[in-house]
Amino acid sequence: MEEQQTASVLSVKDWMITILLLAIPIVNIVMLFVWAFGGGVNPTKANYAKASLIWAVIGIVLYIIFVVIFFGAVMSSIK
């Protein structure tokens, strides 16, 4: 049988520090990877970091698709 894990609830102070770190460019990306894949992190924060990274990848993919379609349309209208 699987043993159930109990994690402490993150306080408002913990979330304030988390949000502050995520507001700093470059640091935010590094910290998301540390929280998502590092050990000893609160599972709630780890899940939040993983979800944020997934949304970032989805946004990058959609951006690339948009740029390819847009520049393809522009280049085809120039000819």
Protein backbone atom coordinates (compact mmCIF):
# COMPACT_ATOMS: atom_id res chain seq x y z
CA MET A 1 0.00 0.00 0.00
CA GLU A 2 1.18 3.51 -0.78
CA GLU A 3 2.15 5.69 2.15
CA GLN A 4 0.41 9.06 2.12
CA GLN A 5 2.63 12.12 2.30
CA THR A 6 1.66 15.12 4.35
CA ALA A 7 3.18 18.47 3.55
CA SER A 8 3.00 21.64 5.55
CA VAL A 9 0.76 24.41 4.32
CA LEU A 10 2.68 27.28 2.73
CA SER A 11 2.22 30.49 4.67
CA VAL A 12 1.42 33.89 3.20
CA LYS A 13 5.06 34.85 3.82
CA ASP A 14 6.23 31.82 1.78
CA TRP A 15 3.93 32.79 -1.10
CA MET A 16 5.04 36.44 -0.91
CA ILE A 17 8.69 35.37 -1.27
CA THR A 18 7.75 32.98 -4.08
CA ILE A 19 5.92 35.70 -6.00
CA LEU A 20 8.78 38.15 -5.44
CA LEU A 21 11.32 35.68 -6.83
CA LEU A 22 9.09 34.95 -9.82
CA ALA A 23 8.95 38.68 -10.62
CA ILE A 24 12.72 38.85 -11.20
CA PRO A 25 13.76 38.08 -14.81
CA ILE A 26 16.06 35.06 -15.31
CA VAL A 27 15.82 34.23 -11.60
CA ASN A 28 12.19 33.20 -12.16
CA ILE A 29 13.08 30.59 -14.76
CA VAL A 30 15.93 29.18 -12.68
CA MET A 31 13.77 29.01 -9.56
CA LEU A 32 10.90 27.31 -11.40
CA PHE A 33 13.29 24.55 -12.49
CA VAL A 34 14.75 24.27 -8.98
CA TRP A 35 11.33 24.05 -7.38
CA ALA A 36 9.91 21.72 -10.04
CA PHE A 37 12.74 19.19 -10.13
CA GLY A 38 14.77 19.81 -6.96
CA GLY A 39 14.38 17.68 -3.90
CA GLY A 40 13.03 18.75 -0.55
CA VAL A 41 10.57 21.27 -1.96
CA ASN A 42 6.99 21.51 -0.70
CA PRO A 43 4.83 19.44 -3.10
CA THR A 44 2.41 22.32 -3.57
CA LYS A 45 5.21 24.63 -4.71
CA ALA A 46 6.69 21.86 -6.90
CA ASN A 47 3.35 21.30 -8.62
CA TYR A 48 2.90 25.04 -9.14
CA ALA A 49 6.38 25.27 -10.69
CA LYS A 50 5.70 22.31 -13.00
CA ALA A 51 2.38 23.80 -14.11
CA SER A 52 4.04 27.17 -14.76
CA LEU A 53 6.75 25.54 -16.87
CA ILE A 54 4.13 23.63 -18.87
CA TRP A 55 2.23 26.89 -19.55
CA ALA A 56 5.50 28.56 -20.57
CA VAL A 57 6.23 25.79 -23.08
CA ILE A 58 2.69 26.02 -24.47
CA GLY A 59 3.10 29.81 -24.84
CA ILE A 60 6.46 29.46 -26.60
CA VAL A 61 5.09 26.86 -29.02
CA LEU A 62 2.05 29.02 -29.84
CA TYR A 63 4.31 32.04 -30.32
CA ILE A 64 6.56 30.12 -32.73
CA ILE A 65 3.54 28.88 -34.70
CA PHE A 66 2.16 32.44 -34.89
CA VAL A 67 5.50 33.87 -36.06
CA VAL A 68 5.93 31.19 -38.73
CA ILE A 69 2.40 31.73 -40.05
CA PHE A 70 2.68 35.53 -39.92
CA PHE A 71 6.05 35.73 -41.66
CA GLY A 72 4.96 33.08 -44.14
CA ALA A 73 1.95 35.22 -45.06
CA VAL A 74 4.09 38.37 -45.28
CA MET A 75 6.75 36.71 -47.42
CA SER A 76 4.16 35.18 -49.77
CA SER A 77 2.48 38.57 -50.28
CA ILE A 78 5.82 40.21 -51.19
CA LYS A 79 6.40 37.91 -54.14
